[in-house]
Amino acid sequence: MAQPAAFHAGYVAIVGRPNVGKSTLLNQLVGQKLSITSRKPQTTRQRITGILTRDDAQLLFVDTPGFQTRHGSALNRHMNRVVTQALAGVDVVLLVIEALRFSAEDNALLALLPAGRPVLLVINKIDRLADRRLLLPFIAKMSGQYAFAEIVPVSATRGQAVAELARAIARYLPERPALHGKDEITESSERFLAGELIREKLFRLLGDELPYVSAVVIDRFVMEGALRRIHASIIVDKESHKGIVVGAKGGQLKAIATKARIDMEKLFGGKVHLEVWVKVKKGWTENQRLLTQLGYGS
């Protein structure tokens, strides 16, 4: 009688410099929007776990902030700690880079990769290549940079080769039972995800108008039957920033809240009543006590 195939499960860290497409890749792998995305670097600030359960394996993805080597604020130091802490407790690492680009920041990340763990190099944004013939020489070059277990070219935005990447990852996970139910897609709480969706709308709707120094705090999250009632505060650094977020006659803030609410209802599968305010807290990215209150570690 044939023995059943072994089941594999484990944690997979997705790391890379800012804006290489880590969050988009996580969302594609899980098949659900869990991690917020924008063209601004450092959109992700905390680790977010997405869960993909296959017939043969369960992959628990940890999306991390882009590792920052240029700026030394307390917030950026926190985000770098998130990266190194995530690497310490995973079974497989995905190092994501852009096609045909390997920078000094990418190279700095190689020194942080944990010894004894398989590292897969994910070459993202191959859909942007004008000449695909340049990809093979680039893969050959990258194979000499580090002892990668595998090198997998993908397009996260188009979902190209993402299924093949999932199969490759599963081969390197330890043999163990599933760690979560097959219908679960994240370890992150709805409260956390609500704040992330609001923050995404800030980045997407305001673009370069709003400086990097903004955050979102969920002040209240309660269930009233099938309704989620959520109160949130957008934290900015200056009064002038508050005006940008609120907009003329409150129109910008209303648009942010409306788009965030729609995404929450899709993700949570139920009605959401969302109220959002804007608060000024000067110098919050350098105030360690305030950063801790906002959920950015000690």
C-alpha atoms as a PDB file:
ATOM      1  CA  MET A   1       0.000   0.000   0.000  1.00  0.00           C
ATOM      2  CA  ALA A   2       1.409   3.397  -0.984  1.00  0.00           C
ATOM      3  CA  GLN A   3       2.342   5.712   1.861  1.00  0.00           C
ATOM      4  CA  PRO A   4       0.675   9.147   1.912  1.00  0.00           C
ATOM      5  CA  ALA A   5       2.896  11.974   0.745  1.00  0.00           C
ATOM      6  CA  ALA A   6       4.659  13.859   3.535  1.00  0.00           C
ATOM      7  CA  PHE A   7       3.204  17.240   4.485  1.00  0.00           C
ATOM      8  CA  HIS A   8       5.509  20.227   4.923  1.00  0.00           C
ATOM      9  CA  ALA A   9       4.906  23.494   6.785  1.00  0.00           C
ATOM     10  CA  GLY A  10       6.947  26.466   7.927  1.00  0.00           C
ATOM     11  CA  TYR A  11       7.648  30.177   7.945  1.00  0.00           C
ATOM     12  CA  VAL A  12       9.023  32.002   4.920  1.00  0.00           C
ATOM     13  CA  ALA A  13      10.522  35.500   5.256  1.00  0.00           C
ATOM     14  CA  ILE A  14      10.173  37.850   2.297  1.00  0.00           C
ATOM     15  CA  VAL A  15      13.032  40.366   2.479  1.00  0.00           C
ATOM     16  CA  GLY A  16      14.562  42.967   0.190  1.00  0.00           C
ATOM     17  CA  ARG A  17      15.361  46.630  -0.087  1.00  0.00           C
ATOM     18  CA  PRO A  18      12.480  49.116  -0.248  1.00  0.00           C
ATOM     19  CA  ASN A  19      10.084  49.046  -3.181  1.00  0.00           C
ATOM     20  CA  VAL A  20      11.168  45.810  -4.867  1.00  0.00           C
ATOM     21  CA  GLY A  21       7.631  44.383  -4.734  1.00  0.00           C
ATOM     22  CA  LYS A  22       7.644  42.262  -1.563  1.00  0.00           C
ATOM     23  CA  SER A  23       4.093  43.125  -0.516  1.00  0.00           C
ATOM     24  CA  THR A  24       2.706  42.607  -4.014  1.00  0.00           C
ATOM     25  CA  LEU A  25       4.423  39.217  -4.090  1.00  0.00           C
ATOM     26  CA  LEU A  26       2.891  38.231  -0.727  1.00  0.00           C
ATOM     27  CA  ASN A  27      -0.582  39.196  -1.928  1.00  0.00           C
ATOM     28  CA  GLN A  28      -0.138  37.151  -5.103  1.00  0.00           C
ATOM     29  CA  LEU A  29       1.158  34.098  -3.248  1.00  0.00           C
ATOM     30  CA  VAL A  30      -1.738  34.112  -0.780  1.00  0.00           C
ATOM     31  CA  GLY A  31      -4.338  35.131  -3.349  1.00  0.00           C
ATOM     32  CA  GLN A  32      -5.689  37.899  -1.110  1.00  0.00           C
ATOM     33  CA  LYS A  33      -4.771  41.497  -0.368  1.00  0.00           C
ATOM     34  CA  LEU A  34      -3.133  41.357   3.061  1.00  0.00           C
ATOM     35  CA  SER A  35      -0.120  43.632   2.735  1.00  0.00           C
ATOM     36  CA  ILE A  36      -0.526  47.219   1.612  1.00  0.00           C
ATOM     37  CA  THR A  37       1.240  48.456  -1.479  1.00  0.00           C
ATOM     38  CA  SER A  38       2.212  51.791  -2.980  1.00  0.00           C
ATOM     39  CA  ARG A  39       5.007  53.264  -5.035  1.00  0.00           C
ATOM     40  CA  LYS A  40       6.440  54.926  -1.948  1.00  0.00           C
ATOM     41  CA  PRO A  41       9.314  53.034  -0.343  1.00  0.00           C
ATOM     42  CA  GLN A  42       8.890  51.764   3.217  1.00  0.00           C
ATOM     43  CA  THR A  43       5.132  51.278   2.890  1.00  0.00           C
ATOM     44  CA  THR A  44       5.339  48.146   5.054  1.00  0.00           C
ATOM     45  CA  ARG A  45       6.452  48.890   8.630  1.00  0.00           C
ATOM     46  CA  GLN A  46       5.500  45.745  10.535  1.00  0.00           C
ATOM     47  CA  ARG A  47       5.760  42.050   9.781  1.00  0.00           C
ATOM     48  CA  ILE A  48       2.610  40.619   8.217  1.00  0.00           C
ATOM     49  CA  THR A  49       1.974  36.909   7.922  1.00  0.00           C
ATOM     50  CA  GLY A  50       0.009  35.481   5.008  1.00  0.00           C
ATOM     51  CA  ILE A  51      -0.897  31.799   4.864  1.00  0.00           C
ATOM     52  CA  LEU A  52      -1.022  29.627   1.752  1.00  0.00           C
ATOM     53  CA  THR A  53      -2.253  26.066   2.267  1.00  0.00           C
ATOM     54  CA  ARG A  54      -1.656  23.561  -0.516  1.00  0.00           C
ATOM     55  CA  ASP A  55      -2.362  19.822  -0.666  1.00  0.00           C
ATOM     56  CA  ASP A  56       1.269  19.093   0.185  1.00  0.00           C
ATOM     57  CA  ALA A  57       2.337  22.080   2.286  1.00  0.00           C
ATOM     58  CA  GLN A  58       1.402  25.125   4.322  1.00  0.00           C
ATOM     59  CA  LEU A  59       3.495  28.227   3.687  1.00  0.00           C
ATOM     60  CA  LEU A  60       3.414  31.026   6.273  1.00  0.00           C
ATOM     61  CA  PHE A  61       4.825  34.147   4.633  1.00  0.00           C
ATOM     62  CA  VAL A  62       6.297  36.980   6.671  1.00  0.00           C
ATOM     63  CA  ASP A  63       6.344  40.233   4.681  1.00  0.00           C
ATOM     64  CA  THR A  64       8.887  42.608   6.187  1.00  0.00           C
ATOM     65  CA  PRO A  65       9.734  46.308   5.743  1.00  0.00           C
ATOM     66  CA  GLY A  66      12.357  47.177   3.166  1.00  0.00           C
ATOM     67  CA  PHE A  67      15.727  47.165   4.909  1.00  0.00           C
ATOM     68  CA  GLN A  68      16.855  50.777   5.226  1.00  0.00           C
ATOM     69  CA  THR A  69      20.541  51.682   5.090  1.00  0.00           C
ATOM     70  CA  ARG A  70      20.273  55.401   4.298  1.00  0.00           C
ATOM     71  CA  HIS A  71      18.207  56.861   7.136  1.00  0.00           C
ATOM     72  CA  GLY A  72      18.661  56.434  10.872  1.00  0.00           C
ATOM     73  CA  SER A  73      15.434  57.640  12.499  1.00  0.00           C
ATOM     74  CA  ALA A  74      13.977  55.690  15.421  1.00  0.00           C
ATOM     75  CA  LEU A  75      11.206  54.474  13.105  1.00  0.00           C
ATOM     76  CA  ASN A  76      13.694  53.188  10.532  1.00  0.00           C
ATOM     77  CA  ARG A  77      15.750  51.489  13.245  1.00  0.00           C
ATOM     78  CA  HIS A  78      12.568  49.755  14.397  1.00  0.00           C
ATOM     79  CA  MET A  79      11.826  48.558  10.859  1.00  0.00           C
ATOM     80  CA  ASN A  80      15.344  47.169  10.468  1.00  0.00           C
ATOM     81  CA  ARG A  81      14.881  45.281  13.750  1.00  0.00           C
ATOM     82  CA  VAL A  82      11.665  43.808  12.350  1.00  0.00           C
ATOM     83  CA  VAL A  83      13.642  42.460   9.396  1.00  0.00           C
ATOM     84  CA  THR A  84      16.406  40.881  11.477  1.00  0.00           C
ATOM     85  CA  GLN A  85      13.928  39.419  13.989  1.00  0.00           C
ATOM     86  CA  ALA A  86      11.870  37.901  11.196  1.00  0.00           C
ATOM     87  CA  LEU A  87      14.962  36.266   9.706  1.00  0.00           C
ATOM     88  CA  ALA A  88      15.861  34.663  13.032  1.00  0.00           C
ATOM     89  CA  GLY A  89      12.760  32.484  13.252  1.00  0.00           C
ATOM     90  CA  VAL A  90      12.001  31.272   9.738  1.00  0.00           C
ATOM     91  CA  ASP A  91      12.599  28.090   7.780  1.00  0.00           C
ATOM     92  CA  VAL A  92      13.122  29.612   4.317  1.00  0.00           C
ATOM     93  CA  VAL A  93      14.117  33.093   3.126  1.00  0.00           C
ATOM     94  CA  LEU A  94      13.046  34.796  -0.104  1.00  0.00           C
ATOM     95  CA  LEU A  95      15.404  37.599  -1.114  1.00  0.00           C
ATOM     96  CA  VAL A  96      13.567  39.779  -3.613  1.00  0.00           C
ATOM     97  CA  ILE A  97      15.448  41.970  -6.087  1.00  0.00           C
ATOM     98  CA  GLU A  98      14.531  43.748  -9.311  1.00  0.00           C
ATOM     99  CA  ALA A  99      15.386  42.240 -12.673  1.00  0.00           C
ATOM    100  CA  LEU A 100      18.845  43.268 -13.928  1.00  0.00           C
ATOM    101  CA  ARG A 101      19.480  45.323 -10.798  1.00  0.00           C
ATOM    102  CA  PHE A 102      21.650  44.307  -7.838  1.00  0.00           C
ATOM    103  CA  SER A 103      22.555  47.342  -5.755  1.00  0.00           C
ATOM    104  CA  ALA A 104      24.797  47.948  -2.758  1.00  0.00           C
ATOM    105  CA  GLU A 105      21.665  47.815  -0.590  1.00  0.00           C
ATOM    106  CA  ASP A 106      20.811  44.376  -1.994  1.00  0.00           C
ATOM    107  CA  ASN A 107      24.355  43.237  -1.307  1.00  0.00           C
ATOM    108  CA  ALA A 108      24.161  44.519   2.291  1.00  0.00           C
ATOM    109  CA  LEU A 109      21.177  42.255   2.887  1.00  0.00           C
ATOM    110  CA  LEU A 110      23.222  39.194   1.948  1.00  0.00           C
ATOM    111  CA  ALA A 111      25.278  39.672   5.119  1.00  0.00           C
ATOM    112  CA  LEU A 112      22.098  39.469   7.227  1.00  0.00           C
ATOM    113  CA  LEU A 113      20.834  36.199   5.788  1.00  0.00           C
ATOM    114  CA  PRO A 114      20.804  33.443   8.430  1.00  0.00           C
ATOM    115  CA  ALA A 115      23.283  30.624   8.045  1.00  0.00           C
ATOM    116  CA  GLY A 116      21.876  27.152   7.583  1.00  0.00           C
ATOM    117  CA  ARG A 117      18.579  28.284   6.043  1.00  0.00           C
ATOM    118  CA  PRO A 118      17.734  27.863   2.353  1.00  0.00           C
ATOM    119  CA  VAL A 119      17.578  31.208   0.552  1.00  0.00           C
ATOM    120  CA  LEU A 120      15.693  31.528  -2.725  1.00  0.00           C
ATOM    121  CA  LEU A 121      16.503  34.539  -4.875  1.00  0.00           C
ATOM    122  CA  VAL A 122      13.351  35.991  -6.417  1.00  0.00           C
ATOM    123  CA  ILE A 123      14.045  38.210  -9.428  1.00  0.00           C
ATOM    124  CA  ASN A 124      10.936  40.374  -9.664  1.00  0.00           C
ATOM    125  CA  LYS A 125       9.546  42.737 -12.334  1.00  0.00           C
ATOM    126  CA  ILE A 126      10.615  40.615 -15.299  1.00  0.00           C
ATOM    127  CA  ASP A 127       7.565  41.992 -17.134  1.00  0.00           C
ATOM    128  CA  ARG A 128       9.401  45.328 -17.378  1.00  0.00           C
ATOM    129  CA  LEU A 129      12.346  43.922 -19.319  1.00  0.00           C
ATOM    130  CA  ALA A 130      12.671  45.288 -22.821  1.00  0.00           C
ATOM    131  CA  ASP A 131      14.974  42.406 -23.783  1.00  0.00           C
ATOM    132  CA  ARG A 132      14.351  39.061 -22.035  1.00  0.00           C
ATOM    133  CA  ARG A 133      17.654  37.735 -23.391  1.00  0.00           C
ATOM    134  CA  LEU A 134      19.438  39.773 -20.719  1.00  0.00           C
ATOM    135  CA  LEU A 135      17.816  37.722 -17.963  1.00  0.00           C
ATOM    136  CA  LEU A 136      19.892  34.539 -18.329  1.00  0.00           C
ATOM    137  CA  PRO A 137      23.283  36.318 -18.029  1.00  0.00           C
ATOM    138  CA  PHE A 138      21.929  38.173 -14.985  1.00  0.00           C
ATOM    139  CA  ILE A 139      20.852  34.879 -13.371  1.00  0.00           C
ATOM    140  CA  ALA A 140      24.320  33.454 -14.034  1.00  0.00           C
ATOM    141  CA  LYS A 141      25.887  36.522 -12.417  1.00  0.00           C
ATOM    142  CA  MET A 142      23.631  36.273  -9.348  1.00  0.00           C
ATOM    143  CA  SER A 143      24.395  32.574  -8.862  1.00  0.00           C
ATOM    144  CA  GLY A 144      27.959  33.617  -8.071  1.00  0.00           C
ATOM    145  CA  GLN A 145      26.938  36.182  -5.432  1.00  0.00           C
ATOM    146  CA  TYR A 146      25.592  33.696  -2.864  1.00  0.00           C
ATOM    147  CA  ALA A 147      24.792  30.005  -2.469  1.00  0.00           C
ATOM    148  CA  PHE A 148      21.122  30.425  -3.355  1.00  0.00           C
ATOM    149  CA  ALA A 149      19.030  27.263  -3.122  1.00  0.00           C
ATOM    150  CA  GLU A 150      17.164  28.375  -6.249  1.00  0.00           C
ATOM    151  CA  ILE A 151      16.773  31.460  -8.417  1.00  0.00           C
ATOM    152  CA  VAL A 152      13.227  32.138  -9.605  1.00  0.00           C
ATOM    153  CA  PRO A 153      12.304  35.010 -11.982  1.00  0.00           C
ATOM    154  CA  VAL A 154       8.732  36.308 -11.479  1.00  0.00           C
ATOM    155  CA  SER A 155       6.382  39.181 -12.153  1.00  0.00           C
ATOM    156  CA  ALA A 156       4.487  39.794  -8.916  1.00  0.00           C
ATOM    157  CA  THR A 157       2.153  42.361 -10.462  1.00  0.00           C
ATOM    158  CA  ARG A 158       1.083  39.956 -13.210  1.00  0.00           C
ATOM    159  CA  GLY A 159       1.312  36.761 -11.160  1.00  0.00           C
ATOM    160  CA  GLN A 160       3.782  35.302 -13.638  1.00  0.00           C
ATOM    161  CA  ALA A 161       5.663  32.241 -12.276  1.00  0.00           C
ATOM    162  CA  VAL A 162       4.255  32.835  -8.760  1.00  0.00           C
ATOM    163  CA  ALA A 163       2.735  29.325  -8.614  1.00  0.00           C
ATOM    164  CA  GLU A 164       6.107  27.871  -9.616  1.00  0.00           C
ATOM    165  CA  LEU A 165       7.738  29.883  -6.827  1.00  0.00           C
ATOM    166  CA  ALA A 166       5.282  28.452  -4.267  1.00  0.00           C
ATOM    167  CA  ARG A 167       6.107  24.915  -5.382  1.00  0.00           C
ATOM    168  CA  ALA A 168       9.825  25.633  -5.102  1.00  0.00           C
ATOM    169  CA  ILE A 169       9.450  27.019  -1.570  1.00  0.00           C
ATOM    170  CA  ALA A 170       7.468  23.987  -0.406  1.00  0.00           C
ATOM    171  CA  ARG A 171      10.380  21.703  -1.257  1.00  0.00           C
ATOM    172  CA  TYR A 172      12.553  23.373   1.392  1.00  0.00           C
ATOM    173  CA  LEU A 173      10.084  23.459   4.284  1.00  0.00           C
ATOM    174  CA  PRO A 174      10.418  20.973   7.159  1.00  0.00           C
ATOM    175  CA  GLU A 175       8.133  17.964   7.339  1.00  0.00           C
ATOM    176  CA  ARG A 176       5.426  18.771   9.918  1.00  0.00           C
ATOM    177  CA  PRO A 177       1.632  19.073  10.219  1.00  0.00           C
ATOM    178  CA  ALA A 178      -0.174  22.254   9.225  1.00  0.00           C
ATOM    179  CA  LEU A 179       0.153  25.061  11.779  1.00  0.00           C
ATOM    180  CA  HIS A 180      -3.201  26.666  10.930  1.00  0.00           C
ATOM    181  CA  GLY A 181      -6.584  25.696   9.532  1.00  0.00           C
ATOM    182  CA  LYS A 182      -6.772  25.342   5.762  1.00  0.00           C
ATOM    183  CA  ASP A 183      -9.158  28.308   5.426  1.00  0.00           C
ATOM    184  CA  GLU A 184      -6.994  30.759   7.406  1.00  0.00           C
ATOM    185  CA  ILE A 185      -5.115  33.317   5.311  1.00  0.00           C
ATOM    186  CA  THR A 186      -3.313  35.440   7.935  1.00  0.00           C
ATOM    187  CA  GLU A 187      -2.070  35.601  11.521  1.00  0.00           C
ATOM    188  CA  SER A 188      -2.578  39.372  11.578  1.00  0.00           C
ATOM    189  CA  SER A 189      -5.617  40.667  13.473  1.00  0.00           C
ATOM    190  CA  GLU A 190      -8.449  42.509  11.752  1.00  0.00           C
ATOM    191  CA  ARG A 191      -7.599  45.518  13.912  1.00  0.00           C
ATOM    192  CA  PHE A 192      -4.060  45.591  12.513  1.00  0.00           C
ATOM    193  CA  LEU A 193      -5.222  45.062   8.937  1.00  0.00           C
ATOM    194  CA  ALA A 194      -7.754  47.894   9.248  1.00  0.00           C
ATOM    195  CA  GLY A 195      -4.992  50.322  10.188  1.00  0.00           C
ATOM    196  CA  GLU A 196      -2.838  49.132   7.306  1.00  0.00           C
ATOM    197  CA  LEU A 197      -5.616  49.663   4.770  1.00  0.00           C
ATOM    198  CA  ILE A 198      -6.153  53.239   5.945  1.00  0.00           C
ATOM    199  CA  ARG A 199      -2.409  53.893   5.732  1.00  0.00           C
ATOM    200  CA  GLU A 200      -2.335  52.523   2.199  1.00  0.00           C
ATOM    201  CA  LYS A 201      -4.976  55.037   1.113  1.00  0.00           C
ATOM    202  CA  LEU A 202      -2.861  57.838   2.593  1.00  0.00           C
ATOM    203  CA  PHE A 203       0.058  56.808   0.408  1.00  0.00           C
ATOM    204  CA  ARG A 204      -1.999  56.147  -2.692  1.00  0.00           C
ATOM    205  CA  LEU A 205      -4.246  59.210  -2.640  1.00  0.00           C
ATOM    206  CA  LEU A 206      -1.761  61.807  -1.448  1.00  0.00           C
ATOM    207  CA  GLY A 207       1.328  60.623  -3.299  1.00  0.00           C
ATOM    208  CA  ASP A 208       4.197  63.053  -2.803  1.00  0.00           C
ATOM    209  CA  GLU A 209       2.003  65.661  -1.087  1.00  0.00           C
ATOM    210  CA  LEU A 210       2.173  63.962   2.297  1.00  0.00           C
ATOM    211  CA  PRO A 211       5.624  63.432   3.794  1.00  0.00           C
ATOM    212  CA  TYR A 212       6.672  60.033   5.041  1.00  0.00           C
ATOM    213  CA  VAL A 213       5.905  60.997   8.645  1.00  0.00           C
ATOM    214  CA  SER A 214       2.371  59.663   9.012  1.00  0.00           C
ATOM    215  CA  ALA A 215       0.888  56.718  10.894  1.00  0.00           C
ATOM    216  CA  VAL A 216      -2.503  55.220  11.721  1.00  0.00           C
ATOM    217  CA  VAL A 217      -3.826  54.169  15.125  1.00  0.00           C
ATOM    218  CA  ILE A 218      -7.023  52.149  15.603  1.00  0.00           C
ATOM    219  CA  ASP A 219      -8.668  53.744  18.645  1.00  0.00           C
ATOM    220  CA  ARG A 220     -11.750  51.508  18.713  1.00  0.00           C
ATOM    221  CA  PHE A 221     -12.657  48.230  17.021  1.00  0.00           C
ATOM    222  CA  VAL A 222     -15.876  46.581  18.181  1.00  0.00           C
ATOM    223  CA  MET A 223     -18.305  44.056  16.713  1.00  0.00           C
ATOM    224  CA  GLU A 224     -21.992  44.943  16.853  1.00  0.00           C
ATOM    225  CA  GLY A 225     -23.613  41.824  15.459  1.00  0.00           C
ATOM    226  CA  ALA A 226     -22.239  41.513  11.916  1.00  0.00           C
ATOM    227  CA  LEU A 227     -21.145  45.172  11.838  1.00  0.00           C
ATOM    228  CA  ARG A 228     -17.578  46.237  12.592  1.00  0.00           C
ATOM    229  CA  ARG A 229     -17.448  49.711  14.129  1.00  0.00           C
ATOM    230  CA  ILE A 230     -13.966  51.194  13.742  1.00  0.00           C
ATOM    231  CA  HIS A 231     -12.573  54.520  14.956  1.00  0.00           C
ATOM    232  CA  ALA A 232      -9.110  55.478  13.698  1.00  0.00           C
ATOM    233  CA  SER A 233      -6.644  58.360  14.013  1.00  0.00           C
ATOM    234  CA  ILE A 234      -4.180  59.426  11.334  1.00  0.00           C
ATOM    235  CA  ILE A 235      -1.030  60.753  13.044  1.00  0.00           C
ATOM    236  CA  VAL A 236       0.948  63.474  11.265  1.00  0.00           C
ATOM    237  CA  ASP A 237       3.963  65.555  12.224  1.00  0.00           C
ATOM    238  CA  LYS A 238       2.779  69.119  11.499  1.00  0.00           C
ATOM    239  CA  GLU A 239      -0.391  71.187  11.307  1.00  0.00           C
ATOM    240  CA  SER A 240       0.291  71.754   7.610  1.00  0.00           C
ATOM    241  CA  HIS A 241       0.268  67.977   7.097  1.00  0.00           C
ATOM    242  CA  LYS A 242      -3.131  67.799   8.775  1.00  0.00           C
ATOM    243  CA  GLY A 243      -4.497  70.233   6.222  1.00  0.00           C
ATOM    244  CA  ILE A 244      -3.191  68.052   3.403  1.00  0.00           C
ATOM    245  CA  VAL A 245      -4.907  64.951   4.796  1.00  0.00           C
ATOM    246  CA  VAL A 246      -8.208  66.677   5.546  1.00  0.00           C
ATOM    247  CA  GLY A 247      -8.334  68.511   2.212  1.00  0.00           C
ATOM    248  CA  ALA A 248     -10.800  71.158   1.051  1.00  0.00           C
ATOM    249  CA  LYS A 249     -14.043  70.879   3.050  1.00  0.00           C
ATOM    250  CA  GLY A 250     -12.831  67.514   4.376  1.00  0.00           C
ATOM    251  CA  GLY A 251     -12.960  65.929   0.931  1.00  0.00           C
ATOM    252  CA  GLN A 252      -9.573  64.223   1.036  1.00  0.00           C
ATOM    253  CA  LEU A 253     -10.180  62.618   4.423  1.00  0.00           C
ATOM    254  CA  LYS A 254     -13.595  61.431   3.284  1.00  0.00           C
ATOM    255  CA  ALA A 255     -12.066  59.827   0.177  1.00  0.00           C
ATOM    256  CA  ILE A 256      -9.392  58.083   2.274  1.00  0.00           C
ATOM    257  CA  ALA A 257     -11.989  56.715   4.694  1.00  0.00           C
ATOM    258  CA  THR A 258     -14.391  55.618   1.955  1.00  0.00           C
ATOM    259  CA  LYS A 259     -11.788  53.708  -0.043  1.00  0.00           C
ATOM    260  CA  ALA A 260     -10.386  52.097   3.122  1.00  0.00           C
ATOM    261  CA  ARG A 261     -13.869  51.057   4.262  1.00  0.00           C
ATOM    262  CA  ILE A 262     -14.615  49.425   0.904  1.00  0.00           C
ATOM    263  CA  ASP A 263     -11.392  47.395   1.086  1.00  0.00           C
ATOM    264  CA  MET A 264     -12.109  46.416   4.713  1.00  0.00           C
ATOM    265  CA  GLU A 265     -15.559  45.117   3.789  1.00  0.00           C
ATOM    266  CA  LYS A 266     -14.041  43.020   1.001  1.00  0.00           C
ATOM    267  CA  LEU A 267     -11.338  41.606   3.261  1.00  0.00           C
ATOM    268  CA  PHE A 268     -13.488  41.048   6.367  1.00  0.00           C
ATOM    269  CA  GLY A 269     -16.575  39.865   4.519  1.00  0.00           C
ATOM    270  CA  GLY A 270     -18.999  42.179   6.327  1.00  0.00           C
ATOM    271  CA  LYS A 271     -20.224  45.732   6.795  1.00  0.00           C
ATOM    272  CA  VAL A 272     -17.890  48.318   8.355  1.00  0.00           C
ATOM    273  CA  HIS A 273     -18.720  51.676   9.946  1.00  0.00           C
ATOM    274  CA  LEU A 274     -15.484  53.684   9.834  1.00  0.00           C
ATOM    275  CA  GLU A 275     -14.741  57.062  11.382  1.00  0.00           C
ATOM    276  CA  VAL A 276     -11.330  58.676  10.891  1.00  0.00           C
ATOM    277  CA  TRP A 277      -9.733  61.724  12.548  1.00  0.00           C
ATOM    278  CA  VAL A 278      -6.378  63.459  12.014  1.00  0.00           C
ATOM    279  CA  LYS A 279      -4.082  64.280  14.966  1.00  0.00           C
ATOM    280  CA  VAL A 280      -0.788  66.188  15.084  1.00  0.00           C
ATOM    281  CA  LYS A 281       2.057  64.692  17.144  1.00  0.00           C
ATOM    282  CA  LYS A 282       5.247  66.582  16.406  1.00  0.00           C
ATOM    283  CA  GLY A 283       8.446  64.546  16.003  1.00  0.00           C
ATOM    284  CA  TRP A 284       6.691  61.206  16.425  1.00  0.00           C
ATOM    285  CA  THR A 285       9.229  59.259  14.303  1.00  0.00           C
ATOM    286  CA  GLU A 286      12.008  60.170  16.789  1.00  0.00           C
ATOM    287  CA  ASN A 287       9.958  59.782  19.992  1.00  0.00           C
ATOM    288  CA  GLN A 288      10.594  56.253  21.245  1.00  0.00           C
ATOM    289  CA  ARG A 289       7.795  56.402  23.828  1.00  0.00           C
ATOM    290  CA  LEU A 290       5.321  57.511  21.183  1.00  0.00           C
ATOM    291  CA  LEU A 291       6.595  54.943  18.701  1.00  0.00           C
ATOM    292  CA  THR A 292       5.933  52.217  21.292  1.00  0.00           C
ATOM    293  CA  GLN A 293       2.413  53.553  21.833  1.00  0.00           C
ATOM    294  CA  LEU A 294       1.853  53.460  18.079  1.00  0.00           C
ATOM    295  CA  GLY A 295       2.945  49.811  17.971  1.00  0.00           C
ATOM    296  CA  TYR A 296       6.451  50.236  16.587  1.00  0.00           C
ATOM    297  CA  GLY A 297       8.337  48.320  19.243  1.00  0.00           C
ATOM    298  CA  SER A 298      10.669  49.300  22.067  1.00  0.00           C
END
